[in-house]
Amino acid sequence: MINIALPKGRLGEKVYALFEKAGYECPSIKENNRKLIFENEEKAVRYFWVKPSDVSIYVERGAADIGICGKDILTEYTPDVYELLDMKTGICRMAVAAKKDFYDDGQHTLKVATKFVNCAKAYYTAKGRDIDIIKLNGSIEIAPILGLSDVIVDIVETGTTLKENDLEVKEEIFSISARLIANKASFKFKTEAVETLVAKVKELL
């Protein structure tokens, strides 16, 4: 049995459709209920829905053999897992954004609001820039508007939210997409089953 952690929401549904096409269907997952775990013994798969940011934890600790996780999470938390495949979906980017008229003159400590503390630190350390990190958990966009920060480091998909709040992307840090990751021990013991699944999914991409 391969245990698969799927991120709740649109991305997880998209990815499940791919697995289904690849021959790893589990009809009960489409039933209208509040269950979180679904299995198909015949196909030897068990799926479960988890919060997107928790997928890597389930995989790293072995509760899931494989899972689907954004490159943002992998970069921020560096879980000890294998990254097996770029799923070419959930595409967006990690970027620095600020008010349209903002210019970083490099003369003072830059105030950076973000959920992605490690990504922001690594980016600015590489540039040799002195920063003050302000960790926020939501509505990052209002930080520069209210003067809490100079810039934000956040995920940008279409840029609509930024535009609506008179902000713009100033620098792109890295591009993001969903990745198929595997638990290291599971990969060792279930190599054939995992590699077969990966190969079938890869064909569909």
Protein backbone atom coordinates (compact mmCIF):
# COMPACT_ATOMS: atom_id res chain seq x y z
CA MET A 1 0.00 0.00 0.00
CA ILE A 2 1.38 3.43 -0.97
CA ASN A 3 0.28 6.21 1.39
CA ILE A 4 -0.15 9.51 -0.43
CA ALA A 5 -0.54 12.92 1.26
CA LEU A 6 -2.53 15.32 -0.91
CA PRO A 7 -2.76 19.06 -0.19
CA LYS A 8 -6.35 20.12 0.50
CA GLY A 9 -7.85 22.42 -2.11
CA ARG A 10 -7.60 23.04 -5.83
CA LEU A 11 -4.02 21.83 -6.21
CA GLY A 12 -4.74 18.52 -4.46
CA GLU A 13 -7.80 17.93 -6.62
CA LYS A 14 -5.79 18.65 -9.78
CA VAL A 15 -3.05 16.26 -8.70
CA TYR A 16 -5.52 13.53 -7.70
CA ALA A 17 -7.02 13.74 -11.22
CA LEU A 18 -3.54 13.02 -12.58
CA PHE A 19 -3.05 10.03 -10.27
CA GLU A 20 -6.49 8.77 -11.31
CA LYS A 21 -5.53 9.02 -15.00
CA ALA A 22 -2.29 7.18 -14.22
CA GLY A 23 -4.34 4.24 -12.93
CA TYR A 24 -4.32 4.98 -9.19
CA GLU A 25 -7.98 5.85 -8.79
CA CYS A 26 -9.86 5.76 -5.51
CA PRO A 27 -13.58 6.42 -6.21
CA SER A 28 -14.50 7.08 -2.55
CA ILE A 29 -12.41 10.28 -2.59
CA LYS A 30 -15.05 11.88 -4.83
CA GLU A 31 -17.95 11.12 -2.50
CA ASN A 32 -19.45 14.14 -0.78
CA ASN A 33 -18.36 13.53 2.81
CA ARG A 34 -15.98 14.88 5.43
CA LYS A 35 -13.65 11.87 5.49
CA LEU A 36 -9.94 12.56 5.26
CA ILE A 37 -8.59 9.07 4.45
CA PHE A 38 -9.55 7.03 1.37
CA GLU A 39 -8.18 3.75 0.12
CA ASN A 40 -8.42 1.40 -2.81
CA GLU A 41 -7.04 -2.00 -1.79
CA GLU A 42 -7.16 -3.30 -5.34
CA LYS A 43 -4.84 -0.51 -6.54
CA ALA A 44 -2.84 -0.59 -3.27
CA VAL A 45 -3.17 3.16 -2.64
CA ARG A 46 -4.33 5.16 0.35
CA TYR A 47 -4.88 8.91 -0.01
CA PHE A 48 -5.36 11.48 2.72
CA TRP A 49 -6.06 15.20 2.66
CA VAL A 50 -3.83 17.45 4.77
CA LYS A 51 -3.11 21.17 5.01
CA PRO A 52 -0.68 22.07 2.18
CA SER A 53 2.01 23.30 4.57
CA ASP A 54 1.83 20.00 6.51
CA VAL A 55 2.41 17.62 3.58
CA SER A 56 6.19 17.67 3.95
CA ILE A 57 5.91 16.87 7.69
CA TYR A 58 3.73 13.79 7.03
CA VAL A 59 6.19 12.63 4.37
CA GLU A 60 9.37 13.41 6.31
CA ARG A 61 8.11 11.55 9.39
CA GLY A 62 6.87 8.56 7.41
CA ALA A 63 3.10 8.87 7.96
CA ALA A 64 2.96 9.25 4.15
CA ASP A 65 5.25 7.52 1.64
CA ILE A 66 4.86 10.27 -0.93
CA GLY A 67 3.13 13.62 -1.14
CA ILE A 68 2.67 16.77 -3.18
CA CYS A 69 4.30 19.90 -1.85
CA GLY A 70 5.07 23.38 -3.18
CA LYS A 71 8.70 24.35 -3.81
CA ASP A 72 8.10 27.29 -1.43
CA ILE A 73 7.56 24.89 1.51
CA LEU A 74 10.58 22.77 0.54
CA THR A 75 12.78 25.86 0.37
CA GLU A 76 11.46 27.40 3.59
CA TYR A 77 11.53 24.30 5.81
CA THR A 78 14.13 22.07 4.02
CA PRO A 79 12.52 18.77 5.08
CA ASP A 80 14.69 15.65 4.82
CA VAL A 81 12.86 14.07 1.85
CA TYR A 82 13.55 13.09 -1.75
CA GLU A 83 12.21 15.42 -4.43
CA LEU A 84 11.23 13.07 -7.27
CA LEU A 85 9.24 15.07 -9.80
CA ASP A 86 8.22 18.57 -10.83
CA MET A 87 4.45 18.30 -11.32
CA LYS A 88 4.37 21.42 -13.59
CA THR A 89 1.31 22.71 -11.77
CA GLY A 90 0.61 25.21 -8.97
CA ILE A 91 2.98 27.56 -10.77
CA CYS A 92 3.79 30.90 -9.13
CA ARG A 93 6.86 32.72 -7.78
CA MET A 94 8.44 33.96 -4.58
CA ALA A 95 8.99 37.69 -4.95
CA VAL A 96 9.83 40.95 -3.22
CA ALA A 97 7.03 43.50 -3.54
CA ALA A 98 6.61 47.07 -2.32
CA LYS A 99 4.69 50.29 -2.94
CA LYS A 100 5.13 51.46 -6.52
CA ASP A 101 7.15 54.51 -5.51
CA PHE A 102 9.46 52.61 -3.13
CA TYR A 103 13.16 52.58 -3.92
CA ASP A 104 15.70 50.75 -1.77
CA ASP A 105 18.63 53.13 -1.45
CA GLY A 106 20.53 50.66 0.76
CA GLN A 107 21.13 53.36 3.39
CA HIS A 108 19.07 51.89 6.23
CA THR A 109 18.05 48.47 7.57
CA LEU A 110 15.35 47.15 5.25
CA LYS A 111 12.12 46.15 7.02
CA VAL A 112 10.81 42.94 5.45
CA ALA A 113 7.37 41.47 6.28
CA THR A 114 6.89 37.81 5.36
CA LYS A 115 5.59 34.35 6.23
CA PHE A 116 8.71 32.91 4.59
CA VAL A 117 11.39 33.96 7.05
CA ASN A 118 14.12 31.55 5.89
CA CYS A 119 13.57 32.31 2.19
CA ALA A 120 13.78 36.05 2.87
CA LYS A 121 16.87 35.73 5.10
CA ALA A 122 18.72 33.56 2.56
CA TYR A 123 17.89 35.94 -0.29
CA TYR A 124 19.05 39.10 1.48
CA THR A 125 22.08 37.43 3.10
CA ALA A 126 23.28 36.48 -0.40
CA LYS A 127 22.93 40.15 -1.37
CA GLY A 128 24.73 41.30 1.77
CA ARG A 129 21.71 43.42 2.72
CA ASP A 130 20.96 44.26 6.35
CA ILE A 131 17.30 43.45 7.13
CA ASP A 132 14.78 43.47 9.96
CA ILE A 133 12.36 40.54 9.52
CA ILE A 134 8.75 40.97 10.62
CA LYS A 135 7.01 37.57 10.65
CA LEU A 136 3.34 37.77 9.74
CA ASN A 137 0.84 34.97 9.18
CA GLY A 138 -1.65 36.59 6.86
CA SER A 139 -2.59 39.71 4.84
CA ILE A 140 1.07 40.48 4.24
CA GLU A 141 0.10 43.08 1.60
CA ILE A 142 -1.07 45.65 4.14
CA ALA A 143 2.30 45.79 5.95
CA PRO A 144 3.95 48.32 3.56
CA ILE A 145 0.71 50.29 3.18
CA LEU A 146 0.52 50.85 6.96
CA GLY A 147 4.27 51.54 7.21
CA LEU A 148 4.99 48.36 9.18
CA SER A 149 7.50 47.27 6.54
CA ASP A 150 9.35 48.62 3.50
CA VAL A 151 8.85 45.47 1.43
CA ILE A 152 7.18 42.08 1.60
CA VAL A 153 8.45 38.66 0.52
CA ASP A 154 5.53 36.53 -0.56
CA ILE A 155 4.12 34.17 -3.16
CA VAL A 156 2.81 35.92 -6.26
CA GLU A 157 0.52 34.08 -8.66
CA THR A 158 -1.24 36.60 -10.89
CA GLY A 159 -0.23 39.81 -9.09
CA THR A 160 -3.86 40.97 -8.87
CA THR A 161 -3.84 41.35 -5.06
CA LEU A 162 -0.67 43.45 -5.29
CA LYS A 163 -2.15 45.72 -7.99
CA GLU A 164 -5.37 46.20 -6.03
CA ASN A 165 -3.28 47.37 -3.07
CA ASP A 166 -1.01 49.65 -5.15
CA LEU A 167 1.99 47.36 -4.76
CA GLU A 168 4.23 45.86 -7.42
CA VAL A 169 6.86 43.14 -7.75
CA LYS A 170 10.34 44.63 -7.36
CA GLU A 171 12.44 41.44 -7.56
CA GLU A 172 11.78 37.77 -8.25
CA ILE A 173 13.49 35.34 -5.88
CA PHE A 174 12.64 31.91 -7.35
CA SER A 175 9.86 30.19 -9.26
CA ILE A 176 7.55 27.74 -7.56
CA SER A 177 5.64 24.65 -8.68
CA ALA A 178 4.24 21.54 -7.00
CA ARG A 179 6.75 18.73 -6.42
CA LEU A 180 6.24 15.03 -5.77
CA ILE A 181 8.30 14.16 -2.69
CA ALA A 182 9.06 10.83 -0.99
CA ASN A 183 9.98 9.64 2.47
CA LYS A 184 13.57 8.35 2.33
CA ALA A 185 12.90 5.05 4.15
CA SER A 186 9.69 4.40 2.19
CA PHE A 187 11.57 4.97 -1.05
CA LYS A 188 14.11 2.37 0.01
CA PHE A 189 11.52 -0.27 0.95
CA LYS A 190 8.91 0.49 -1.72
CA THR A 191 11.27 1.56 -4.52
CA GLU A 192 9.56 -0.38 -7.28
CA ALA A 193 6.01 0.69 -6.39
CA VAL A 194 7.00 4.36 -6.00
CA GLU A 195 9.11 4.45 -9.17
CA THR A 196 6.30 2.83 -11.18
CA LEU A 197 3.84 5.45 -9.95
CA VAL A 198 6.28 8.29 -10.69
CA ALA A 199 6.94 6.96 -14.20
CA LYS A 200 3.21 6.72 -14.97
CA VAL A 201 2.51 10.23 -13.69
CA LYS A 202 5.54 11.58 -15.58
CA GLU A 203 4.16 10.20 -18.86
CA LEU A 204 1.00 12.28 -18.33
CA LEU A 205 2.98 15.47 -17.81
